[in-house]
PDB file of N, CA and C in Angstrom:
ATOM      1  N   MET A   1       0.473  -1.399  -0.510  1.00  0.00           N
ATOM      2  CA  MET A   1       0.176   0.143   0.162  1.00  0.00           C
ATOM      3  C   MET A   1       0.739   1.706  -0.057  1.00  0.00           C
ATOM      4  N   VAL A   2       0.959   2.309  -0.726  1.00  0.00           N
ATOM      5  CA  VAL A   2       1.257   3.388  -0.908  1.00  0.00           C
ATOM      6  C   VAL A   2       0.424   4.534  -0.227  1.00  0.00           C
ATOM      7  N   PHE A   3       1.323   5.261   0.569  1.00  0.00           N
ATOM      8  CA  PHE A   3       0.577   6.305   1.291  1.00  0.00           C
ATOM      9  C   PHE A   3       0.758   7.284   0.789  1.00  0.00           C
ATOM     10  N   LYS A   4      -0.077   8.364   0.433  1.00  0.00           N
ATOM     11  CA  LYS A   4       0.174   9.824  -0.196  1.00  0.00           C
ATOM     12  C   LYS A   4       0.299  10.872   0.907  1.00  0.00           C
ATOM     13  N   ASP A   5       0.989  11.554   0.475  1.00  0.00           N
ATOM     14  CA  ASP A   5       1.766  13.045   1.461  1.00  0.00           C
ATOM     15  C   ASP A   5       0.393  13.968   1.123  1.00  0.00           C
ATOM     16  N   LYS A   6      -0.604  14.068   2.126  1.00  0.00           N
ATOM     17  CA  LYS A   6      -1.644  15.358   1.758  1.00  0.00           C
ATOM     18  C   LYS A   6      -0.718  16.764   1.493  1.00  0.00           C
ATOM     19  N   SER A   7       0.141  16.594   1.616  1.00  0.00           N
ATOM     20  CA  SER A   7       0.949  18.017   1.432  1.00  0.00           C
ATOM     21  C   SER A   7       1.067  18.465   0.089  1.00  0.00           C
ATOM     22  N   SER A   8       1.239  17.084  -0.657  1.00  0.00           N
ATOM     23  CA  SER A   8       1.663  17.254  -2.349  1.00  0.00           C
ATOM     24  C   SER A   8       0.117  16.855  -2.560  1.00  0.00           C
ATOM     25  N   GLU A   9      -0.567  16.792  -2.185  1.00  0.00           N
ATOM     26  CA  GLU A   9      -2.425  17.068  -3.114  1.00  0.00           C
ATOM     27  C   GLU A   9      -2.628  18.194  -2.932  1.00  0.00           C
ATOM     28  N   GLN A  10      -3.442  19.005  -3.973  1.00  0.00           N
ATOM     29  CA  GLN A  10      -3.696  19.840  -3.538  1.00  0.00           C
ATOM     30  C   GLN A  10      -5.499  19.865  -3.884  1.00  0.00           C
ATOM     31  N   PRO A  11      -5.768  21.362  -3.370  1.00  0.00           N
ATOM     32  CA  PRO A  11      -7.126  21.022  -3.070  1.00  0.00           C
ATOM     33  C   PRO A  11      -7.601  20.893  -3.855  1.00  0.00           C
ATOM     34  N   LEU A  12      -9.029  20.714  -3.544  1.00  0.00           N
ATOM     35  CA  LEU A  12     -10.096  20.780  -4.602  1.00  0.00           C
ATOM     36  C   LEU A  12     -10.770  22.338  -5.290  1.00  0.00           C
ATOM     37  N   ARG A  13     -10.644  22.541  -6.352  1.00  0.00           N
ATOM     38  CA  ARG A  13     -11.486  23.749  -6.827  1.00  0.00           C
ATOM     39  C   ARG A  13     -13.011  23.814  -7.387  1.00  0.00           C
ATOM     40  N   LYS A  14     -13.131  24.804  -6.976  1.00  0.00           N
ATOM     41  CA  LYS A  14     -15.242  24.530  -8.075  1.00  0.00           C
ATOM     42  C   LYS A  14     -14.602  25.433  -9.050  1.00  0.00           C
ATOM     43  N   GLN A  15     -15.666  24.653 -10.411  1.00  0.00           N
ATOM     44  CA  GLN A  15     -15.666  24.890 -11.707  1.00  0.00           C
ATOM     45  C   GLN A  15     -15.648  26.653 -11.692  1.00  0.00           C
ATOM     46  N   PRO A  16     -15.285  26.853 -12.522  1.00  0.00           N
ATOM     47  CA  PRO A  16     -15.431  28.549 -12.447  1.00  0.00           C
ATOM     48  C   PRO A  16     -17.045  28.743 -13.051  1.00  0.00           C
ATOM     49  N   SER A  17     -17.445  29.416 -13.230  1.00  0.00           N
ATOM     50  CA  SER A  17     -19.138  29.860 -13.856  1.00  0.00           C
ATOM     51  C   SER A  17     -19.080  30.181 -15.155  1.00  0.00           C
ATOM     52  N   SER A  18     -19.978  29.657 -16.047  1.00  0.00           N
ATOM     53  CA  SER A  18     -19.897  29.849 -17.523  1.00  0.00           C
ATOM     54  C   SER A  18     -20.381  31.418 -17.486  1.00  0.00           C
ATOM     55  N   LYS A  19     -20.580  32.017 -16.712  1.00  0.00           N
ATOM     56  CA  LYS A  19     -20.396  33.592 -17.497  1.00  0.00           C
ATOM     57  C   LYS A  19     -19.120  33.859 -16.877  1.00  0.00           C
ATOM     58  N   LYS A  20     -18.277  33.682 -16.188  1.00  0.00           N
ATOM     59  CA  LYS A  20     -16.983  34.216 -16.419  1.00  0.00           C
ATOM     60  C   LYS A  20     -16.048  33.141 -17.215  1.00  0.00           C
ATOM     61  N   LEU A  21     -16.538  32.085 -17.625  1.00  0.00           N
ATOM     62  CA  LEU A  21     -15.785  31.455 -18.527  1.00  0.00           C
ATOM     63  C   LEU A  21     -16.419  32.532 -20.059  1.00  0.00           C
ATOM     64  N   ALA A  22     -17.504  32.691 -20.776  1.00  0.00           N
ATOM     65  CA  ALA A  22     -17.704  33.314 -21.364  1.00  0.00           C
ATOM     66  C   ALA A  22     -16.944  34.670 -21.836  1.00  0.00           C
ATOM     67  N   ALA A  23     -16.855  35.082 -20.277  1.00  0.00           N
ATOM     68  CA  ALA A  23     -16.693  36.616 -20.077  1.00  0.00           C
ATOM     69  C   ALA A  23     -14.630  36.495 -20.776  1.00  0.00           C
ATOM     70  N   ALA A  24     -14.311  35.371 -20.110  1.00  0.00           N
ATOM     71  CA  ALA A  24     -12.792  35.471 -20.409  1.00  0.00           C
ATOM     72  C   ALA A  24     -12.996  34.947 -21.495  1.00  0.00           C
ATOM     73  N   ALA A  25     -13.866  34.046 -22.384  1.00  0.00           N
ATOM     74  CA  ALA A  25     -13.841  33.653 -23.711  1.00  0.00           C
ATOM     75  C   ALA A  25     -13.745  34.929 -24.388  1.00  0.00           C
ATOM     76  N   LYS A  26     -14.784  35.749 -24.184  1.00  0.00           N
ATOM     77  CA  LYS A  26     -14.845  37.095 -25.197  1.00  0.00           C
ATOM     78  C   LYS A  26     -13.589  38.176 -25.128  1.00  0.00           C
ATOM     79  N   ALA A  27     -12.825  37.978 -23.851  1.00  0.00           N
ATOM     80  CA  ALA A  27     -11.627  38.780 -23.711  1.00  0.00           C
ATOM     81  C   ALA A  27     -10.390  38.571 -24.628  1.00  0.00           C
ATOM     82  N   SER A  28     -10.282  37.335 -24.470  1.00  0.00           N
ATOM     83  CA  SER A  28      -9.098  36.568 -25.078  1.00  0.00           C
ATOM     84  C   SER A  28      -9.700  36.368 -26.719  1.00  0.00           C
ATOM     85  N   ASN A  29     -10.630  36.749 -26.897  1.00  0.00           N
ATOM     86  CA  ASN A  29     -11.138  36.542 -28.676  1.00  0.00           C
ATOM     87  C   ASN A  29     -10.859  37.796 -29.062  1.00  0.00           C
ATOM     88  N   THR A  30     -11.132  39.432 -28.266  1.00  0.00           N
ATOM     89  CA  THR A  30     -11.183  40.256 -29.095  1.00  0.00           C
ATOM     90  C   THR A  30      -9.378  40.625 -28.632  1.00  0.00           C
ATOM     91  N   ASN A  31      -8.525  39.940 -27.436  1.00  0.00           N
ATOM     92  CA  ASN A  31      -6.969  40.574 -27.527  1.00  0.00           C
ATOM     93  C   ASN A  31      -6.887  39.639 -28.640  1.00  0.00           C
ATOM     94  N   MET A  32      -7.001  38.573 -29.117  1.00  0.00           N
ATOM     95  CA  MET A  32      -6.323  38.131 -30.278  1.00  0.00           C
ATOM     96  C   MET A  32      -6.314  38.704 -31.341  1.00  0.00           C
ATOM     97  N   GLN A  33      -8.013  39.506 -31.475  1.00  0.00           N
ATOM     98  CA  GLN A  33      -8.340  40.269 -33.163  1.00  0.00           C
ATOM     99  C   GLN A  33      -7.012  41.722 -32.909  1.00  0.00           C
ATOM    100  N   GLN A  34      -6.789  41.915 -31.882  1.00  0.00           N
ATOM    101  CA  GLN A  34      -6.079  43.014 -31.832  1.00  0.00           C
ATOM    102  C   GLN A  34      -4.294  42.528 -31.645  1.00  0.00           C
ATOM    103  N   ALA A  35      -4.492  41.602 -31.659  1.00  0.00           N
ATOM    104  CA  ALA A  35      -3.040  41.168 -31.803  1.00  0.00           C
ATOM    105  C   ALA A  35      -2.344  40.639 -33.341  1.00  0.00           C
ATOM    106  N   LEU A  36      -3.823  40.515 -33.462  1.00  0.00           N
ATOM    107  CA  LEU A  36      -3.858  40.130 -35.882  1.00  0.00           C
ATOM    108  C   LEU A  36      -3.645  41.603 -36.450  1.00  0.00           C
ATOM    109  N   GLU A  37      -4.482  42.527 -35.668  1.00  0.00           N
ATOM    110  CA  GLU A  37      -4.015  44.255 -36.489  1.00  0.00           C
ATOM    111  C   GLU A  37      -2.818  44.364 -36.235  1.00  0.00           C
ATOM    112  N   ARG A  38      -2.349  44.508 -35.322  1.00  0.00           N
ATOM    113  CA  ARG A  38      -0.995  45.055 -34.957  1.00  0.00           C
ATOM    114  C   ARG A  38      -0.321  44.493 -35.825  1.00  0.00           C
ATOM    115  N   GLN A  39      -0.220  43.004 -36.526  1.00  0.00           N
ATOM    116  CA  GLN A  39       0.958  42.358 -36.829  1.00  0.00           C
ATOM    117  C   GLN A  39       1.563  43.231 -38.307  1.00  0.00           C
ATOM    118  N   PRO A  40       3.147  42.945 -38.357  1.00  0.00           N
ATOM    119  CA  PRO A  40       2.991  44.022 -39.449  1.00  0.00           C
ATOM    120  C   PRO A  40       2.345  43.231 -40.772  1.00  0.00           C
ATOM    121  N   LYS A  41       2.723  43.845 -41.784  1.00  0.00           N
ATOM    122  CA  LYS A  41       1.824  43.377 -43.246  1.00  0.00           C
ATOM    123  C   LYS A  41       2.804  43.478 -44.481  1.00  0.00           C
ATOM    124  N   GLU A  42       3.328  42.491 -44.268  1.00  0.00           N
ATOM    125  CA  GLU A  42       4.698  42.006 -45.590  1.00  0.00           C
ATOM    126  C   GLU A  42       4.619  41.505 -46.660  1.00  0.00           C
ATOM    127  N   GLU A  43       2.951  41.334 -46.731  1.00  0.00           N
ATOM    128  CA  GLU A  43       2.530  40.152 -48.304  1.00  0.00           C
ATOM    129  C   GLU A  43       2.515  41.937 -48.917  1.00  0.00           C
ATOM    130  N   GLU A  44       1.553  41.180 -50.381  1.00  0.00           N
ATOM    131  CA  GLU A  44       1.220  42.601 -51.622  1.00  0.00           C
ATOM    132  C   GLU A  44       0.015  42.351 -51.214  1.00  0.00           C
ATOM    133  N   ASP A  45      -0.428  43.555 -51.736  1.00  0.00           N
ATOM    134  CA  ASP A  45      -1.507  44.674 -52.073  1.00  0.00           C
ATOM    135  C   ASP A  45      -2.490  43.762 -51.923  1.00  0.00           C
ATOM    136  N   GLU A  46      -2.994  42.606 -53.151  1.00  0.00           N
ATOM    137  CA  GLU A  46      -3.568  42.032 -53.841  1.00  0.00           C
ATOM    138  C   GLU A  46      -4.190  40.746 -52.155  1.00  0.00           C
ATOM    139  N   GLU A  47      -2.647  40.100 -51.839  1.00  0.00           N
ATOM    140  CA  GLU A  47      -2.670  39.409 -50.759  1.00  0.00           C
ATOM    141  C   GLU A  47      -3.941  40.065 -49.465  1.00  0.00           C
ATOM    142  N   GLU A  48      -3.042  41.245 -49.260  1.00  0.00           N
ATOM    143  CA  GLU A  48      -3.642  41.347 -48.355  1.00  0.00           C
ATOM    144  C   GLU A  48      -5.536  42.228 -48.336  1.00  0.00           C
ATOM    145  N   GLU A  49      -5.730  42.123 -49.412  1.00  0.00           N
ATOM    146  CA  GLU A  49      -6.838  42.497 -49.881  1.00  0.00           C
ATOM    147  C   GLU A  49      -7.910  41.063 -49.385  1.00  0.00           C
ATOM    148  N   GLU A  50      -6.791  40.160 -49.859  1.00  0.00           N
ATOM    149  CA  GLU A  50      -7.888  39.099 -49.691  1.00  0.00           C
ATOM    150  C   GLU A  50      -7.737  38.491 -48.433  1.00  0.00           C
ATOM    151  N   GLU A  51      -6.678  38.704 -47.876  1.00  0.00           N
ATOM    152  CA  GLU A  51      -6.655  38.577 -45.999  1.00  0.00           C
ATOM    153  C   GLU A  51      -7.517  39.093 -45.204  1.00  0.00           C
ATOM    154  N   GLU A  52      -7.639  40.474 -45.771  1.00  0.00           N
ATOM    155  CA  GLU A  52      -8.866  41.398 -45.044  1.00  0.00           C
ATOM    156  C   GLU A  52     -10.515  41.063 -45.272  1.00  0.00           C
ATOM    157  N   GLU A  53     -10.985  40.541 -46.178  1.00  0.00           N
ATOM    158  CA  GLU A  53     -11.996  39.881 -46.767  1.00  0.00           C
ATOM    159  C   GLU A  53     -11.889  38.877 -45.723  1.00  0.00           C
ATOM    160  N   GLU A  54     -11.272  37.830 -45.836  1.00  0.00           N
ATOM    161  CA  GLU A  54     -11.389  36.401 -45.391  1.00  0.00           C
ATOM    162  C   GLU A  54     -11.771  36.908 -43.698  1.00  0.00           C
ATOM    163  N   GLU A  55     -10.373  37.844 -43.524  1.00  0.00           N
ATOM    164  CA  GLU A  55     -11.112  38.237 -42.263  1.00  0.00           C
ATOM    165  C   GLU A  55     -12.483  39.164 -41.295  1.00  0.00           C
ATOM    166  N   GLU A  56     -12.440  39.890 -42.403  1.00  0.00           N
ATOM    167  CA  GLU A  56     -13.948  40.294 -41.986  1.00  0.00           C
ATOM    168  C   GLU A  56     -14.918  39.431 -42.330  1.00  0.00           C
ATOM    169  N   THR A  57     -14.672  38.694 -43.012  1.00  0.00           N
ATOM    170  CA  THR A  57     -16.007  37.819 -42.647  1.00  0.00           C
ATOM    171  C   THR A  57     -15.981  36.749 -41.852  1.00  0.00           C
ATOM    172  N   GLU A  58     -14.775  36.182 -41.267  1.00  0.00           N
ATOM    173  CA  GLU A  58     -14.299  35.999 -40.005  1.00  0.00           C
ATOM    174  C   GLU A  58     -15.094  36.215 -38.932  1.00  0.00           C
ATOM    175  N   THR A  59     -14.841  37.754 -38.680  1.00  0.00           N
ATOM    176  CA  THR A  59     -14.952  38.593 -37.766  1.00  0.00           C
ATOM    177  C   THR A  59     -16.413  38.246 -38.178  1.00  0.00           C
ATOM    178  N   GLU A  60     -17.024  38.981 -38.688  1.00  0.00           N
ATOM    179  CA  GLU A  60     -18.394  38.860 -39.164  1.00  0.00           C
ATOM    180  C   GLU A  60     -19.331  37.693 -39.084  1.00  0.00           C
ATOM    181  N   THR A  61     -18.797  36.417 -39.049  1.00  0.00           N
ATOM    182  CA  THR A  61     -19.384  35.428 -38.517  1.00  0.00           C
ATOM    183  C   THR A  61     -19.379  34.931 -37.313  1.00  0.00           C
ATOM    184  N   GLU A  62     -18.025  35.536 -36.298  1.00  0.00           N
ATOM    185  CA  GLU A  62     -17.580  35.044 -35.136  1.00  0.00           C
ATOM    186  C   GLU A  62     -18.857  36.220 -34.734  1.00  0.00           C
ATOM    187  N   SER A  63     -18.888  36.960 -34.927  1.00  0.00           N
ATOM    188  CA  SER A  63     -19.749  38.392 -34.181  1.00  0.00           C
ATOM    189  C   SER A  63     -21.466  38.021 -34.414  1.00  0.00           C
ATOM    190  N   SER A  64     -21.416  37.200 -35.674  1.00  0.00           N
ATOM    191  CA  SER A  64     -23.037  36.683 -35.796  1.00  0.00           C
ATOM    192  C   SER A  64     -23.264  35.537 -34.933  1.00  0.00           C
ATOM    193  N   SER A  65     -22.243  34.676 -34.878  1.00  0.00           N
ATOM    194  CA  SER A  65     -22.701  33.418 -34.399  1.00  0.00           C
ATOM    195  C   SER A  65     -22.565  33.656 -32.537  1.00  0.00           C
ATOM    196  N   GLU A  66     -22.060  34.814 -32.108  1.00  0.00           N
ATOM    197  CA  GLU A  66     -21.739  35.377 -30.881  1.00  0.00           C
ATOM    198  C   GLU A  66     -23.279  35.837 -30.353  1.00  0.00           C
ATOM    199  N   GLU A  67     -23.739  36.642 -31.283  1.00  0.00           N
ATOM    200  CA  GLU A  67     -24.544  37.172 -31.274  1.00  0.00           C
ATOM    201  C   GLU A  67     -26.402  36.087 -31.309  1.00  0.00           C
ATOM    202  N   GLU A  68     -26.359  35.283 -32.151  1.00  0.00           N
ATOM    203  CA  GLU A  68     -26.699  34.289 -31.998  1.00  0.00           C
ATOM    204  C   GLU A  68     -26.779  33.299 -30.669  1.00  0.00           C
ATOM    205  N   ASN A  69     -25.845  33.382 -30.362  1.00  0.00           N
ATOM    206  CA  ASN A  69     -25.530  32.235 -29.109  1.00  0.00           C
ATOM    207  C   ASN A  69     -26.282  33.193 -27.818  1.00  0.00           C
ATOM    208  N   THR A  70     -25.931  35.012 -27.728  1.00  0.00           N
ATOM    209  CA  THR A  70     -26.757  35.018 -26.961  1.00  0.00           C
ATOM    210  C   THR A  70     -27.973  35.416 -26.957  1.00  0.00           C
ATOM    211  N   GLU A  71     -28.359  35.600 -28.659  1.00  0.00           N
ATOM    212  CA  GLU A  71     -30.143  35.496 -28.441  1.00  0.00           C
ATOM    213  C   GLU A  71     -30.618  34.135 -28.148  1.00  0.00           C
ATOM    214  N   ALA A  72     -29.956  32.937 -28.597  1.00  0.00           N
ATOM    215  CA  ALA A  72     -30.417  31.882 -27.923  1.00  0.00           C
ATOM    216  C   ALA A  72     -30.667  31.425 -26.325  1.00  0.00           C
ATOM    217  N   ILE A  73     -29.688  32.436 -26.161  1.00  0.00           N
ATOM    218  CA  ILE A  73     -28.962  32.185 -24.144  1.00  0.00           C
ATOM    219  C   ILE A  73     -30.220  32.783 -23.668  1.00  0.00           C
ATOM    220  N   GLN A  74     -30.543  34.232 -24.417  1.00  0.00           N
ATOM    221  CA  GLN A  74     -31.818  35.245 -24.080  1.00  0.00           C
ATOM    222  C   GLN A  74     -32.549  34.714 -23.871  1.00  0.00           C
ATOM    223  N   GLU A  75     -33.179  34.169 -25.270  1.00  0.00           N
ATOM    224  CA  GLU A  75     -34.483  33.096 -25.318  1.00  0.00           C
ATOM    225  C   GLU A  75     -34.692  32.008 -24.587  1.00  0.00           C
ATOM    226  N   ARG A  76     -33.609  31.274 -24.805  1.00  0.00           N
ATOM    227  CA  ARG A  76     -34.060  30.088 -23.110  1.00  0.00           C
ATOM    228  C   ARG A  76     -34.288  31.015 -22.180  1.00  0.00           C
ATOM    229  N   ARG A  77     -33.730  31.462 -21.438  1.00  0.00           N
ATOM    230  CA  ARG A  77     -34.161  32.207 -20.336  1.00  0.00           C
ATOM    231  C   ARG A  77     -35.209  32.464 -20.586  1.00  0.00           C
ATOM    232  N   MET A  78     -35.653  33.237 -21.255  1.00  0.00           N
ATOM    233  CA  MET A  78     -37.242  33.943 -21.506  1.00  0.00           C
ATOM    234  C   MET A  78     -38.349  33.109 -21.321  1.00  0.00           C
ATOM    235  N   LEU A  79     -37.873  31.763 -21.928  1.00  0.00           N
ATOM    236  CA  LEU A  79     -39.077  30.901 -22.031  1.00  0.00           C
ATOM    237  C   LEU A  79     -38.711  30.251 -20.320  1.00  0.00           C
ATOM    238  N   ARG A  80     -37.487  29.833 -20.271  1.00  0.00           N
ATOM    239  CA  ARG A  80     -37.846  29.512 -18.679  1.00  0.00           C
ATOM    240  C   ARG A  80     -38.459  30.146 -17.597  1.00  0.00           C
ATOM    241  N   GLU A  81     -38.180  31.774 -17.540  1.00  0.00           N
ATOM    242  CA  GLU A  81     -38.886  32.355 -16.815  1.00  0.00           C
ATOM    243  C   GLU A  81     -40.333  32.540 -16.897  1.00  0.00           C
ATOM    244  N   LEU A  82     -40.772  32.689 -18.709  1.00  0.00           N
ATOM    245  CA  LEU A  82     -42.264  32.309 -18.849  1.00  0.00           C
ATOM    246  C   LEU A  82     -42.984  31.124 -18.242  1.00  0.00           C
ATOM    247  N   LYS A  83     -41.882  30.085 -18.115  1.00  0.00           N
ATOM    248  CA  LYS A  83     -42.541  28.351 -17.707  1.00  0.00           C
ATOM    249  C   LYS A  83     -42.576  28.713 -16.323  1.00  0.00           C
ATOM    250  N   LEU A  84     -41.981  29.211 -15.520  1.00  0.00           N
ATOM    251  CA  LEU A  84     -41.591  29.648 -13.818  1.00  0.00           C
ATOM    252  C   LEU A  84     -43.211  30.484 -13.688  1.00  0.00           C
ATOM    253  N   LEU A  85     -43.332  31.515 -14.250  1.00  0.00           N
ATOM    254  CA  LEU A  85     -44.666  31.984 -13.960  1.00  0.00           C
ATOM    255  C   LEU A  85     -45.764  32.077 -14.657  1.00  0.00           C
ATOM    256  N   SER A  86     -45.399  30.584 -15.240  1.00  0.00           N
ATOM    257  CA  SER A  86     -47.126  30.328 -16.004  1.00  0.00           C
ATOM    258  C   SER A  86     -47.527  29.179 -14.379  1.00  0.00           C
ATOM    259  N   THR A  87     -46.015  28.648 -14.301  1.00  0.00           N
ATOM    260  CA  THR A  87     -46.720  27.369 -13.248  1.00  0.00           C
ATOM    261  C   THR A  87     -46.791  27.771 -11.967  1.00  0.00           C
ATOM    262  N   LYS A  88     -46.248  29.206 -11.596  1.00  0.00           N
ATOM    263  CA  LYS A  88     -46.386  29.449 -10.548  1.00  0.00           C
ATOM    264  C   LYS A  88     -48.454  30.581 -10.641  1.00  0.00           C
ATOM    265  N   LEU A  89     -47.927  31.187 -11.498  1.00  0.00           N
ATOM    266  CA  LEU A  89     -49.658  31.400 -11.532  1.00  0.00           C
ATOM    267  C   LEU A  89     -50.731  30.627 -11.468  1.00  0.00           C
ATOM    268  N   LYS A  90     -50.681  29.078 -12.208  1.00  0.00           N
ATOM    269  CA  LYS A  90     -51.646  27.486 -11.851  1.00  0.00           C
ATOM    270  C   LYS A  90     -51.231  27.279 -10.955  1.00  0.00           C
ATOM    271  N   SER A  91     -50.527  27.317 -10.383  1.00  0.00           N
ATOM    272  CA  SER A  91     -50.670  27.209  -8.556  1.00  0.00           C
ATOM    273  C   SER A  91     -51.307  27.828  -7.357  1.00  0.00           C
ATOM    274  N   PHE A  92     -50.851  29.473  -7.855  1.00  0.00           N
ATOM    275  CA  PHE A  92     -51.419  30.578  -7.504  1.00  0.00           C
ATOM    276  C   PHE A  92     -53.324  30.224  -7.485  1.00  0.00           C
ATOM    277  N   LYS A  93     -53.652  29.997  -8.630  1.00  0.00           N
ATOM    278  CA  LYS A  93     -55.023  29.644  -9.019  1.00  0.00           C
ATOM    279  C   LYS A  93     -55.615  28.679  -8.564  1.00  0.00           C
ATOM    280  N   GLU A  94     -54.940  27.647  -8.177  1.00  0.00           N
ATOM    281  CA  GLU A  94     -55.345  26.199  -7.788  1.00  0.00           C
ATOM    282  C   GLU A  94     -55.781  26.713  -6.166  1.00  0.00           C
ATOM    283  N   LYS A  95     -54.954  27.150  -5.568  1.00  0.00           N
ATOM    284  CA  LYS A  95     -55.035  27.411  -4.306  1.00  0.00           C
ATOM    285  C   LYS A  95     -55.500  28.352  -3.814  1.00  0.00           C
ATOM    286  N   GLU A  96     -55.801  29.413  -4.527  1.00  0.00           N
ATOM    287  CA  GLU A  96     -57.369  30.511  -4.817  1.00  0.00           C
ATOM    288  C   GLU A  96     -58.682  29.427  -4.909  1.00  0.00           C
ATOM    289  N   GLU A  97     -58.584  28.720  -5.639  1.00  0.00           N
ATOM    290  CA  GLU A  97     -60.034  27.765  -5.760  1.00  0.00           C
ATOM    291  C   GLU A  97     -59.745  26.667  -4.729  1.00  0.00           C
ATOM    292  N   ALA A  98     -59.272  26.275  -4.211  1.00  0.00           N
ATOM    293  CA  ALA A  98     -59.174  25.277  -3.129  1.00  0.00           C
ATOM    294  C   ALA A  98     -59.554  26.188  -1.751  1.00  0.00           C
ATOM    295  N   ALA A  99     -59.272  27.379  -1.701  1.00  0.00           N
ATOM    296  CA  ALA A  99     -59.635  28.449  -0.699  1.00  0.00           C
ATOM    297  C   ALA A  99     -61.114  29.026  -0.810  1.00  0.00           C
ATOM    298  N   ARG A 100     -61.694  28.979  -1.305  1.00  0.00           N
ATOM    299  CA  ARG A 100     -62.926  29.089  -2.123  1.00  0.00           C
ATOM    300  C   ARG A 100     -63.937  27.856  -1.525  1.00  0.00           C
ATOM    301  N   LYS A 101     -63.411  27.216  -2.278  1.00  0.00           N
ATOM    302  CA  LYS A 101     -64.339  25.561  -1.879  1.00  0.00           C
ATOM    303  C   LYS A 101     -64.087  25.599  -0.034  1.00  0.00           C
ATOM    304  N   GLU A 102     -63.151  25.492   0.269  1.00  0.00           N
ATOM    305  CA  GLU A 102     -63.202  25.533   1.790  1.00  0.00           C
ATOM    306  C   GLU A 102     -64.004  26.404   2.194  1.00  0.00           C
ATOM    307  N   ARG A 103     -64.202  27.542   2.038  1.00  0.00           N
ATOM    308  CA  ARG A 103     -64.726  28.754   2.799  1.00  0.00           C
ATOM    309  C   ARG A 103     -66.645  28.152   2.779  1.00  0.00           C
ATOM    310  N   ARG A 104     -66.689  27.802   1.806  1.00  0.00           N
ATOM    311  CA  ARG A 104     -67.999  27.068   0.832  1.00  0.00           C
ATOM    312  C   ARG A 104     -68.508  26.485   1.686  1.00  0.00           C
ATOM    313  N   SER A 105     -67.685  25.130   1.909  1.00  0.00           N
ATOM    314  CA  SER A 105     -67.752  24.132   2.547  1.00  0.00           C
ATOM    315  C   SER A 105     -68.145  24.771   4.649  1.00  0.00           C
ATOM    316  N   LEU A 106     -67.240  25.446   4.753  1.00  0.00           N
ATOM    317  CA  LEU A 106     -67.350  26.038   6.008  1.00  0.00           C
ATOM    318  C   LEU A 106     -68.702  26.456   6.576  1.00  0.00           C
ATOM    319  N   ARG A 107     -69.069  27.609   5.443  1.00  0.00           N
ATOM    320  CA  ARG A 107     -70.357  28.566   5.145  1.00  0.00           C
ATOM    321  C   ARG A 107     -71.551  27.452   5.577  1.00  0.00           C
ATOM    322  N   ASP A 108     -71.337  26.168   4.832  1.00  0.00           N
ATOM    323  CA  ASP A 108     -72.288  25.474   5.127  1.00  0.00           C
ATOM    324  C   ASP A 108     -72.288  24.932   6.137  1.00  0.00           C
ATOM    325  N   GLN A 109     -71.440  24.331   6.484  1.00  0.00           N
ATOM    326  CA  GLN A 109     -71.215  23.459   7.948  1.00  0.00           C
ATOM    327  C   GLN A 109     -72.082  24.298   9.381  1.00  0.00           C
ATOM    328  N   LEU A 110     -71.390  25.365   9.398  1.00  0.00           N
ATOM    329  CA  LEU A 110     -71.771  26.858  10.039  1.00  0.00           C
ATOM    330  C   LEU A 110     -73.590  26.851   9.864  1.00  0.00           C
ATOM    331  N   LYS A 111     -74.119  26.842   8.733  1.00  0.00           N
ATOM    332  CA  LYS A 111     -75.518  26.865   8.450  1.00  0.00           C
ATOM    333  C   LYS A 111     -76.166  25.609   9.073  1.00  0.00           C
ATOM    334  N   LYS A 112     -76.065  24.497   9.103  1.00  0.00           N
ATOM    335  CA  LYS A 112     -76.665  23.322   9.264  1.00  0.00           C
ATOM    336  C   LYS A 112     -75.992  23.326  10.773  1.00  0.00           C
ATOM    337  N   GLN A 113     -75.159  23.732  11.539  1.00  0.00           N
ATOM    338  CA  GLN A 113     -74.964  24.002  12.934  1.00  0.00           C
ATOM    339  C   GLN A 113     -75.823  24.370  13.149  1.00  0.00           C
ATOM    340  N   GLN A 114     -75.434  25.966  12.818  1.00  0.00           N
ATOM    341  CA  GLN A 114     -77.342  26.998  13.351  1.00  0.00           C
ATOM    342  C   GLN A 114     -78.487  26.545  13.571  1.00  0.00           C
ATOM    343  N   GLN A 115     -78.257  25.802  12.305  1.00  0.00           N
ATOM    344  CA  GLN A 115     -80.177  25.078  11.814  1.00  0.00           C
ATOM    345  C   GLN A 115     -80.780  23.737  13.520  1.00  0.00           C
ATOM    346  N   VAL A 116     -79.432  23.618  13.484  1.00  0.00           N
ATOM    347  CA  VAL A 116     -79.827  22.260  14.615  1.00  0.00           C
ATOM    348  C   VAL A 116     -79.787  23.424  15.809  1.00  0.00           C
ATOM    349  N   ARG A 117     -79.097  23.921  16.130  1.00  0.00           N
ATOM    350  CA  ARG A 117     -79.105  24.543  17.241  1.00  0.00           C
ATOM    351  C   ARG A 117     -80.304  25.151  17.462  1.00  0.00           C
ATOM    352  N   THR A 118     -81.080  25.676  16.817  1.00  0.00           N
ATOM    353  CA  THR A 118     -81.737  26.498  16.443  1.00  0.00           C
ATOM    354  C   THR A 118     -83.386  25.925  16.768  1.00  0.00           C
ATOM    355  N   ILE A 119     -83.103  24.135  16.231  1.00  0.00           N
ATOM    356  CA  ILE A 119     -84.187  23.178  16.461  1.00  0.00           C
ATOM    357  C   ILE A 119     -84.138  22.655  17.359  1.00  0.00           C
ATOM    358  N   GLU A 120     -82.975  22.379  17.997  1.00  0.00           N
ATOM    359  CA  GLU A 120     -82.648  21.416  20.414  1.00  0.00           C
ATOM    360  C   GLU A 120     -83.129  22.640  20.815  1.00  0.00           C
ATOM    361  N   SER A 121     -82.664  24.567  20.284  1.00  0.00           N
ATOM    362  CA  SER A 121     -83.197  24.880  21.586  1.00  0.00           C
ATOM    363  C   SER A 121     -84.535  25.019  22.587  1.00  0.00           C
ATOM    364  N   PRO A 122     -85.515  25.371  21.250  1.00  0.00           N
ATOM    365  CA  PRO A 122     -87.186  25.375  21.873  1.00  0.00           C
ATOM    366  C   PRO A 122     -86.916  24.447  23.198  1.00  0.00           C
ATOM    367  N   CYS A 123     -86.457  22.980  22.850  1.00  0.00           N
ATOM    368  CA  CYS A 123     -86.913  22.066  23.339  1.00  0.00           C
ATOM    369  C   CYS A 123     -86.367  22.292  24.606  1.00  0.00           C
ATOM    370  N   LEU A 124     -85.222  22.907  24.764  1.00  0.00           N
ATOM    371  CA  LEU A 124     -85.050  22.833  26.473  1.00  0.00           C
ATOM    372  C   LEU A 124     -86.077  23.667  27.045  1.00  0.00           C
TER     373      LEU A 124
END
């Protein structure tokens, strides 16, 4: 049996939240784009134009895909919130209906007891 030294083990860490990961990825993406823009351009004009067109389309597709991702995420959040709210509303209505039924039954019981009492009281 091999015993491990506890000092050599690293403590367990939580995974970073997806929001922090997304922010870090976005920051690294912008840093990468800035670094690409700063590189010296040594190629011919035709090749530069082609690369710029490619870069523009890449950045456009990246930005559009990021926008689509954020829109999809927002849409999912909205759907989830809508579902939660509709569930709350449904349960609230059910509770309200149950309370009405309970009040009606209590009123009926009270009326019956009063009738029984009025019938019995003259006999005493």
